[in-house]
Amino acid sequence: MKIKFIKHLLIVCMLNVFTTAVSAQQSHTETTSNKPNPDKKIIVVETACGQCLFGLPGKGCNLAVRIDSIAYFVDGTDIDSHGDAHAKDGFCEAIRTAEIQGELVDNRFKVSYFRLLKNSGKNEK
């Protein structure tokens, strides 16, 4: 009887741990659109890791764009949404070219559309 109770308790505990682990997973939602807004201008910019290649302050690796020789961190998409940042052609290893739409707000670029251009990387390290 006692062994049966312990087995049931163990099963309940395992289910509880499993349920907690599954519900703790973060879902990644992209805030940028796949299509540009025809009413807004598309600009072509350099893009890379702000800390690794553009010399912006901070810890970790965060996506940035360079507009008119000035680098800005990006809000609306992140460095991991566009492949492995530490791959040979990743944002921490190469400056890439992208088409973007959005606006500068508080010294950050709020992107509403972001599309990497093919064969745009130039290795900087």
C-alpha atoms as a PDB file:
ATOM      1  CA  MET A   1       0.000   0.000   0.000  1.00  0.00           C
ATOM      2  CA  LYS A   2       2.798   2.381   0.958  1.00  0.00           C
ATOM      3  CA  ILE A   3       4.746   1.597  -2.253  1.00  0.00           C
ATOM      4  CA  LYS A   4       1.661   2.260  -4.367  1.00  0.00           C
ATOM      5  CA  PHE A   5       1.202   5.628  -2.680  1.00  0.00           C
ATOM      6  CA  ILE A   6       4.858   6.546  -3.294  1.00  0.00           C
ATOM      7  CA  LYS A   7       4.555   5.595  -6.994  1.00  0.00           C
ATOM      8  CA  HIS A   8       1.476   7.786  -7.378  1.00  0.00           C
ATOM      9  CA  LEU A   9       3.176  10.650  -5.571  1.00  0.00           C
ATOM     10  CA  LEU A  10       6.228  10.307  -7.805  1.00  0.00           C
ATOM     11  CA  ILE A  11       4.064  10.366 -10.947  1.00  0.00           C
ATOM     12  CA  VAL A  12       2.207  13.468  -9.752  1.00  0.00           C
ATOM     13  CA  CYS A  13       5.509  15.214  -8.977  1.00  0.00           C
ATOM     14  CA  MET A  14       6.928  14.327 -12.411  1.00  0.00           C
ATOM     15  CA  LEU A  15       3.818  15.628 -14.143  1.00  0.00           C
ATOM     16  CA  ASN A  16       4.019  18.815 -12.128  1.00  0.00           C
ATOM     17  CA  VAL A  17       7.672  19.354 -13.106  1.00  0.00           C
ATOM     18  CA  PHE A  18       6.894  18.616 -16.767  1.00  0.00           C
ATOM     19  CA  THR A  19       3.916  20.996 -16.817  1.00  0.00           C
ATOM     20  CA  THR A  20       5.963  23.752 -15.197  1.00  0.00           C
ATOM     21  CA  ALA A  21       8.844  23.280 -17.649  1.00  0.00           C
ATOM     22  CA  VAL A  22       6.560  23.382 -20.675  1.00  0.00           C
ATOM     23  CA  SER A  23       4.676  26.464 -19.517  1.00  0.00           C
ATOM     24  CA  ALA A  24       7.941  28.278 -18.727  1.00  0.00           C
ATOM     25  CA  GLN A  25       9.099  28.174 -22.350  1.00  0.00           C
ATOM     26  CA  GLN A  26       9.076  31.595 -23.947  1.00  0.00           C
ATOM     27  CA  SER A  27       7.425  31.930 -27.301  1.00  0.00           C
ATOM     28  CA  HIS A  28       9.357  34.084 -29.727  1.00  0.00           C
ATOM     29  CA  THR A  29       7.204  36.572 -31.536  1.00  0.00           C
ATOM     30  CA  GLU A  30       8.653  38.744 -34.232  1.00  0.00           C
ATOM     31  CA  THR A  31       7.397  42.304 -34.126  1.00  0.00           C
ATOM     32  CA  THR A  32       8.652  43.226 -37.582  1.00  0.00           C
ATOM     33  CA  SER A  33       6.519  42.786 -40.640  1.00  0.00           C
ATOM     34  CA  ASN A  34       7.496  40.498 -43.510  1.00  0.00           C
ATOM     35  CA  LYS A  35       6.294  43.122 -45.974  1.00  0.00           C
ATOM     36  CA  PRO A  36       7.360  46.744 -46.172  1.00  0.00           C
ATOM     37  CA  ASN A  37       4.821  49.498 -45.735  1.00  0.00           C
ATOM     38  CA  PRO A  38       4.367  51.069 -49.197  1.00  0.00           C
ATOM     39  CA  ASP A  39       3.759  54.450 -47.563  1.00  0.00           C
ATOM     40  CA  LYS A  40       7.162  54.521 -45.834  1.00  0.00           C
ATOM     41  CA  LYS A  41      10.637  54.860 -47.280  1.00  0.00           C
ATOM     42  CA  ILE A  42      12.871  51.759 -47.289  1.00  0.00           C
ATOM     43  CA  ILE A  43      16.463  52.516 -46.383  1.00  0.00           C
ATOM     44  CA  VAL A  44      19.494  50.298 -46.941  1.00  0.00           C
ATOM     45  CA  VAL A  45      21.799  50.160 -43.925  1.00  0.00           C
ATOM     46  CA  GLU A  46      24.744  48.291 -42.506  1.00  0.00           C
ATOM     47  CA  THR A  47      23.755  45.965 -39.687  1.00  0.00           C
ATOM     48  CA  ALA A  48      25.784  43.943 -37.191  1.00  0.00           C
ATOM     49  CA  CYS A  49      26.308  43.328 -33.500  1.00  0.00           C
ATOM     50  CA  GLY A  50      26.423  46.713 -31.827  1.00  0.00           C
ATOM     51  CA  GLN A  51      29.017  45.665 -29.257  1.00  0.00           C
ATOM     52  CA  CYS A  52      31.220  43.368 -31.378  1.00  0.00           C
ATOM     53  CA  LEU A  53      31.478  45.390 -34.583  1.00  0.00           C
ATOM     54  CA  PHE A  54      30.047  48.867 -34.094  1.00  0.00           C
ATOM     55  CA  GLY A  55      31.703  49.614 -30.733  1.00  0.00           C
ATOM     56  CA  LEU A  56      28.478  50.416 -28.889  1.00  0.00           C
ATOM     57  CA  PRO A  57      28.528  50.100 -25.093  1.00  0.00           C
ATOM     58  CA  GLY A  58      26.914  47.199 -23.277  1.00  0.00           C
ATOM     59  CA  LYS A  59      27.297  43.558 -22.376  1.00  0.00           C
ATOM     60  CA  GLY A  60      26.276  40.676 -24.567  1.00  0.00           C
ATOM     61  CA  CYS A  61      25.427  40.896 -28.235  1.00  0.00           C
ATOM     62  CA  ASN A  62      22.631  43.088 -29.569  1.00  0.00           C
ATOM     63  CA  LEU A  63      21.554  43.941 -33.094  1.00  0.00           C
ATOM     64  CA  ALA A  64      22.380  47.408 -34.351  1.00  0.00           C
ATOM     65  CA  VAL A  65      22.162  49.355 -37.586  1.00  0.00           C
ATOM     66  CA  ARG A  66      24.482  52.061 -38.877  1.00  0.00           C
ATOM     67  CA  ILE A  67      22.790  55.017 -40.553  1.00  0.00           C
ATOM     68  CA  ASP A  68      24.914  57.890 -41.893  1.00  0.00           C
ATOM     69  CA  SER A  69      27.957  56.518 -40.000  1.00  0.00           C
ATOM     70  CA  ILE A  70      26.085  56.469 -36.658  1.00  0.00           C
ATOM     71  CA  ALA A  71      25.197  53.146 -35.009  1.00  0.00           C
ATOM     72  CA  TYR A  72      21.899  52.589 -33.187  1.00  0.00           C
ATOM     73  CA  PHE A  73      20.594  49.588 -31.292  1.00  0.00           C
ATOM     74  CA  VAL A  74      17.481  48.048 -32.858  1.00  0.00           C
ATOM     75  CA  ASP A  75      14.092  47.410 -31.255  1.00  0.00           C
ATOM     76  CA  GLY A  76      11.505  45.252 -33.010  1.00  0.00           C
ATOM     77  CA  THR A  77      13.782  42.371 -34.008  1.00  0.00           C
ATOM     78  CA  ASP A  78      16.802  40.825 -32.364  1.00  0.00           C
ATOM     79  CA  ILE A  79      20.177  39.396 -33.244  1.00  0.00           C
ATOM     80  CA  ASP A  80      19.021  35.766 -32.902  1.00  0.00           C
ATOM     81  CA  SER A  81      16.111  36.163 -35.319  1.00  0.00           C
ATOM     82  CA  HIS A  82      18.430  36.171 -38.313  1.00  0.00           C
ATOM     83  CA  GLY A  83      20.662  33.140 -37.860  1.00  0.00           C
ATOM     84  CA  ASP A  84      23.636  32.313 -35.681  1.00  0.00           C
ATOM     85  CA  ALA A  85      25.277  35.593 -34.678  1.00  0.00           C
ATOM     86  CA  HIS A  86      28.627  33.840 -34.174  1.00  0.00           C
ATOM     87  CA  ALA A  87      28.685  32.000 -37.513  1.00  0.00           C
ATOM     88  CA  LYS A  88      31.209  33.057 -40.154  1.00  0.00           C
ATOM     89  CA  ASP A  89      28.689  35.449 -41.699  1.00  0.00           C
ATOM     90  CA  GLY A  90      26.808  36.185 -38.460  1.00  0.00           C
ATOM     91  CA  PHE A  91      26.254  39.615 -36.992  1.00  0.00           C
ATOM     92  CA  CYS A  92      29.133  39.277 -34.505  1.00  0.00           C
ATOM     93  CA  GLU A  93      31.583  38.345 -37.267  1.00  0.00           C
ATOM     94  CA  ALA A  94      30.489  40.345 -40.308  1.00  0.00           C
ATOM     95  CA  ILE A  95      28.753  43.589 -41.140  1.00  0.00           C
ATOM     96  CA  ARG A  96      25.724  42.805 -43.275  1.00  0.00           C
ATOM     97  CA  THR A  97      23.421  44.945 -45.384  1.00  0.00           C
ATOM     98  CA  ALA A  98      19.674  45.145 -44.811  1.00  0.00           C
ATOM     99  CA  GLU A  99      16.598  46.957 -46.013  1.00  0.00           C
ATOM    100  CA  ILE A 100      14.697  48.495 -43.124  1.00  0.00           C
ATOM    101  CA  GLN A 101      11.776  50.727 -42.280  1.00  0.00           C
ATOM    102  CA  GLY A 102      11.107  52.389 -38.981  1.00  0.00           C
ATOM    103  CA  GLU A 103      12.054  55.449 -36.992  1.00  0.00           C
ATOM    104  CA  LEU A 104      14.600  56.749 -34.532  1.00  0.00           C
ATOM    105  CA  VAL A 105      13.144  57.066 -31.044  1.00  0.00           C
ATOM    106  CA  ASP A 106      15.296  57.955 -28.011  1.00  0.00           C
ATOM    107  CA  ASN A 107      18.518  57.149 -29.881  1.00  0.00           C
ATOM    108  CA  ARG A 108      17.294  53.642 -30.827  1.00  0.00           C
ATOM    109  CA  PHE A 109      15.945  52.481 -34.168  1.00  0.00           C
ATOM    110  CA  LYS A 110      12.390  51.132 -33.839  1.00  0.00           C
ATOM    111  CA  VAL A 111      12.207  48.803 -36.824  1.00  0.00           C
ATOM    112  CA  SER A 112       8.897  47.873 -38.455  1.00  0.00           C
ATOM    113  CA  TYR A 113      10.433  46.042 -41.439  1.00  0.00           C
ATOM    114  CA  PHE A 114      13.826  44.308 -41.615  1.00  0.00           C
ATOM    115  CA  ARG A 115      15.187  42.195 -44.480  1.00  0.00           C
ATOM    116  CA  LEU A 116      18.775  41.050 -44.868  1.00  0.00           C
ATOM    117  CA  LEU A 117      20.160  41.339 -48.364  1.00  0.00           C
ATOM    118  CA  LYS A 118      21.899  38.297 -49.828  1.00  0.00           C
ATOM    119  CA  ASN A 119      25.699  38.110 -50.050  1.00  0.00           C
ATOM    120  CA  SER A 120      25.994  41.301 -48.082  1.00  0.00           C
ATOM    121  CA  GLY A 121      28.496  40.294 -45.413  1.00  0.00           C
ATOM    122  CA  LYS A 122      31.973  41.676 -45.166  1.00  0.00           C
ATOM    123  CA  ASN A 123      34.055  40.023 -42.501  1.00  0.00           C
ATOM    124  CA  GLU A 124      35.347  42.536 -40.000  1.00  0.00           C
ATOM    125  CA  LYS A 125      37.336  40.379 -37.588  1.00  0.00           C
END
